[in-house]
N, C-alpha and C. Protein backbone atom coordinates (compact mmCIF):
# COMPACT_ATOMS: atom_id res chain seq x y z
N UNK A 1 0.82 -1.18 0.00
CA UNK A 1 0.00 0.00 0.00
C UNK A 1 0.86 1.24 0.00
N UNK A 2 0.21 2.36 -0.02
CA UNK A 2 0.87 3.66 -0.05
C UNK A 2 0.32 4.49 1.10
N UNK A 3 1.20 5.01 1.95
CA UNK A 3 0.77 5.88 3.05
C UNK A 3 1.40 7.25 2.85
N UNK A 4 0.70 8.26 3.33
CA UNK A 4 1.20 9.63 3.25
C UNK A 4 1.75 10.04 4.60
N UNK A 5 2.97 10.55 4.60
CA UNK A 5 3.59 11.09 5.80
C UNK A 5 3.88 12.55 5.49
N UNK A 6 2.95 13.44 5.87
CA UNK A 6 3.07 14.83 5.46
C UNK A 6 2.94 14.91 3.95
N UNK A 7 3.92 15.50 3.31
CA UNK A 7 3.92 15.58 1.84
C UNK A 7 4.65 14.41 1.20
N UNK A 8 5.18 13.52 2.01
CA UNK A 8 5.96 12.39 1.50
C UNK A 8 5.08 11.16 1.38
N UNK A 9 5.15 10.49 0.25
CA UNK A 9 4.45 9.23 0.04
C UNK A 9 5.43 8.09 0.29
N UNK A 10 5.03 7.11 1.10
CA UNK A 10 5.89 5.97 1.42
C UNK A 10 5.20 4.71 0.94
N UNK A 11 5.88 3.96 0.08
CA UNK A 11 5.35 2.71 -0.46
C UNK A 11 5.65 1.58 0.53
N UNK A 12 4.63 0.82 0.89
CA UNK A 12 4.79 -0.32 1.80
C UNK A 12 4.58 -1.60 1.00
N UNK A 13 5.62 -2.40 0.89
CA UNK A 13 5.54 -3.67 0.16
C UNK A 13 6.08 -4.78 1.04
N UNK A 14 5.55 -5.96 0.86
CA UNK A 14 6.05 -7.16 1.53
C UNK A 14 6.09 -7.02 3.05
N UNK A 15 5.03 -6.50 3.62
CA UNK A 15 4.92 -6.41 5.07
C UNK A 15 4.24 -7.65 5.61
N UNK A 16 4.61 -8.03 6.80
CA UNK A 16 3.95 -9.14 7.49
C UNK A 16 3.13 -8.56 8.63
N UNK A 17 1.89 -9.01 8.73
CA UNK A 17 1.04 -8.64 9.85
C UNK A 17 0.71 -9.92 10.60
N UNK A 18 1.06 -9.93 11.86
CA UNK A 18 0.82 -11.10 12.70
C UNK A 18 -0.04 -10.69 13.89
N UNK A 19 -0.93 -11.55 14.28
CA UNK A 19 -1.74 -11.27 15.45
C UNK A 19 -2.23 -12.55 16.10
N UNK A 20 -2.38 -12.50 17.39
CA UNK A 20 -3.00 -13.61 18.09
C UNK A 20 -3.62 -13.11 19.38
N UNK A 21 -4.59 -13.86 19.83
CA UNK A 21 -5.32 -13.51 21.06
C UNK A 21 -5.11 -14.61 22.09
N UNK A 22 -4.90 -14.21 23.32
CA UNK A 22 -4.85 -15.13 24.46
C UNK A 22 -6.20 -14.95 25.15
N UNK A 23 -7.18 -15.70 24.67
CA UNK A 23 -8.56 -15.50 25.06
C UNK A 23 -8.75 -15.66 26.56
N UNK A 24 -8.13 -16.66 27.16
CA UNK A 24 -8.30 -16.91 28.58
C UNK A 24 -7.76 -15.79 29.46
N UNK A 25 -6.87 -14.98 28.92
CA UNK A 25 -6.28 -13.88 29.69
C UNK A 25 -6.77 -12.51 29.20
N UNK A 26 -7.53 -12.50 28.10
CA UNK A 26 -8.06 -11.25 27.58
C UNK A 26 -7.02 -10.34 26.96
N UNK A 27 -5.98 -10.94 26.35
CA UNK A 27 -4.92 -10.15 25.74
C UNK A 27 -4.86 -10.41 24.24
N UNK A 28 -4.45 -9.36 23.49
CA UNK A 28 -4.30 -9.45 22.04
C UNK A 28 -2.96 -8.86 21.66
N UNK A 29 -2.27 -9.51 20.73
CA UNK A 29 -0.98 -9.03 20.23
C UNK A 29 -1.07 -8.89 18.72
N UNK A 30 -0.62 -7.75 18.19
CA UNK A 30 -0.57 -7.52 16.75
C UNK A 30 0.78 -6.88 16.44
N UNK A 31 1.43 -7.37 15.39
CA UNK A 31 2.70 -6.76 14.98
C UNK A 31 2.72 -6.61 13.47
N UNK A 32 3.39 -5.56 13.02
CA UNK A 32 3.60 -5.30 11.60
C UNK A 32 5.10 -5.13 11.41
N UNK A 33 5.67 -5.86 10.45
CA UNK A 33 7.11 -5.73 10.24
C UNK A 33 7.46 -6.05 8.78
N UNK A 34 8.52 -5.53 8.26
CA UNK A 34 9.29 -4.42 8.82
C UNK A 34 8.59 -3.09 8.53
N UNK A 35 8.74 -2.15 9.44
CA UNK A 35 8.15 -0.83 9.28
C UNK A 35 9.28 0.16 9.00
N UNK A 36 9.19 0.84 7.88
CA UNK A 36 10.18 1.85 7.55
C UNK A 36 10.06 3.02 8.51
N UNK A 37 11.18 3.62 8.86
CA UNK A 37 11.18 4.75 9.80
C UNK A 37 10.27 5.87 9.31
N UNK A 38 10.24 6.12 8.00
CA UNK A 38 9.42 7.19 7.46
C UNK A 38 7.93 6.91 7.60
N UNK A 39 7.55 5.67 7.75
CA UNK A 39 6.13 5.30 7.79
C UNK A 39 5.59 5.13 9.19
N UNK A 40 6.44 5.19 10.21
CA UNK A 40 6.01 4.91 11.58
C UNK A 40 4.82 5.73 12.03
N UNK A 41 4.88 7.06 11.86
CA UNK A 41 3.78 7.91 12.29
C UNK A 41 2.53 7.68 11.48
N UNK A 42 2.67 7.44 10.19
CA UNK A 42 1.50 7.21 9.34
C UNK A 42 0.76 5.95 9.75
N UNK A 43 1.48 4.96 10.24
CA UNK A 43 0.85 3.70 10.62
C UNK A 43 0.14 3.78 11.97
N UNK A 44 0.26 4.90 12.66
CA UNK A 44 -0.48 5.07 13.91
C UNK A 44 -1.99 4.98 13.65
N UNK A 45 -2.41 5.23 12.42
CA UNK A 45 -3.83 5.12 12.07
C UNK A 45 -4.33 3.68 12.17
N UNK A 46 -3.44 2.73 12.24
CA UNK A 46 -3.83 1.31 12.35
C UNK A 46 -4.22 0.96 13.78
N UNK A 47 -3.89 1.80 14.74
CA UNK A 47 -4.15 1.46 16.14
C UNK A 47 -5.61 1.16 16.47
N UNK A 48 -6.60 1.78 15.81
CA UNK A 48 -7.99 1.36 16.11
C UNK A 48 -8.27 -0.10 15.78
N UNK A 49 -7.54 -0.66 14.82
CA UNK A 49 -7.69 -2.08 14.51
C UNK A 49 -7.32 -2.93 15.72
N UNK A 50 -6.23 -2.58 16.38
CA UNK A 50 -5.79 -3.31 17.56
C UNK A 50 -6.81 -3.16 18.68
N UNK A 51 -7.35 -1.94 18.85
CA UNK A 51 -8.36 -1.71 19.88
C UNK A 51 -9.59 -2.57 19.64
N UNK A 52 -9.98 -2.73 18.39
CA UNK A 52 -11.15 -3.56 18.06
C UNK A 52 -10.92 -5.00 18.46
N UNK A 53 -9.75 -5.54 18.17
CA UNK A 53 -9.45 -6.92 18.56
C UNK A 53 -9.38 -7.05 20.08
N UNK A 54 -8.86 -6.05 20.75
CA UNK A 54 -8.84 -6.06 22.21
C UNK A 54 -10.24 -6.11 22.79
N UNK A 55 -11.16 -5.34 22.20
CA UNK A 55 -12.55 -5.34 22.65
C UNK A 55 -13.19 -6.70 22.40
N UNK A 56 -12.90 -7.29 21.24
CA UNK A 56 -13.51 -8.59 20.91
C UNK A 56 -13.11 -9.68 21.90
N UNK A 57 -11.85 -9.69 22.30
CA UNK A 57 -11.33 -10.80 23.11
C UNK A 57 -11.06 -10.44 24.55
N UNK A 58 -11.60 -9.32 25.03
CA UNK A 58 -11.40 -8.91 26.41
C UNK A 58 -12.07 -9.91 27.36
N UNK A 59 -11.59 -9.93 28.59
CA UNK A 59 -12.23 -10.77 29.60
C UNK A 59 -13.60 -10.20 29.93
N UNK A 60 -14.54 -11.07 30.17
CA UNK A 60 -15.87 -10.62 30.58
C UNK A 60 -15.88 -10.41 32.09
N UNK A 61 -16.38 -9.27 32.50
CA UNK A 61 -16.57 -8.99 33.92
C UNK A 61 -18.04 -9.15 34.25
N UNK A 62 -18.36 -9.26 35.52
CA UNK A 62 -19.75 -9.43 35.92
C UNK A 62 -20.57 -8.25 35.40
N UNK A 63 -21.66 -8.54 34.74
CA UNK A 63 -22.59 -7.56 34.16
C UNK A 63 -21.99 -6.76 33.01
N UNK A 64 -20.88 -7.23 32.42
CA UNK A 64 -20.26 -6.57 31.27
C UNK A 64 -19.86 -7.64 30.26
N UNK A 65 -20.28 -7.47 29.00
CA UNK A 65 -19.95 -8.41 27.96
C UNK A 65 -18.74 -7.93 27.17
N UNK A 66 -17.98 -8.88 26.61
CA UNK A 66 -16.92 -8.49 25.68
C UNK A 66 -17.51 -8.46 24.27
N UNK A 67 -16.71 -8.02 23.31
CA UNK A 67 -17.20 -7.88 21.94
C UNK A 67 -17.65 -9.19 21.33
N UNK A 68 -16.93 -10.28 21.62
CA UNK A 68 -17.30 -11.57 21.03
C UNK A 68 -18.67 -12.02 21.52
N UNK A 69 -18.98 -11.77 22.78
CA UNK A 69 -20.29 -12.14 23.32
C UNK A 69 -21.40 -11.36 22.63
N UNK A 70 -21.11 -10.13 22.23
CA UNK A 70 -22.11 -9.30 21.57
C UNK A 70 -22.23 -9.65 20.09
N UNK A 71 -21.09 -9.83 19.42
CA UNK A 71 -21.11 -10.04 17.96
C UNK A 71 -21.24 -11.50 17.56
N UNK A 72 -20.84 -12.41 18.45
CA UNK A 72 -20.92 -13.82 18.14
C UNK A 72 -19.83 -14.25 17.22
């Protein structure tokens, strides 16, 4: 893909995205590599994706559902 960093366009090719959830502990891990130094700030826009997975696999507390319980 192509991301914009200010006026600079940075081409992202051959990136690996890895993720896994530890459902019993309510934790999610996501990594993207390799990330070019010029693209680091532009990729901050990806952080809502991580938050969504965290919501889906969060631990359920009494009277509170996690995302998976709601979405199925």
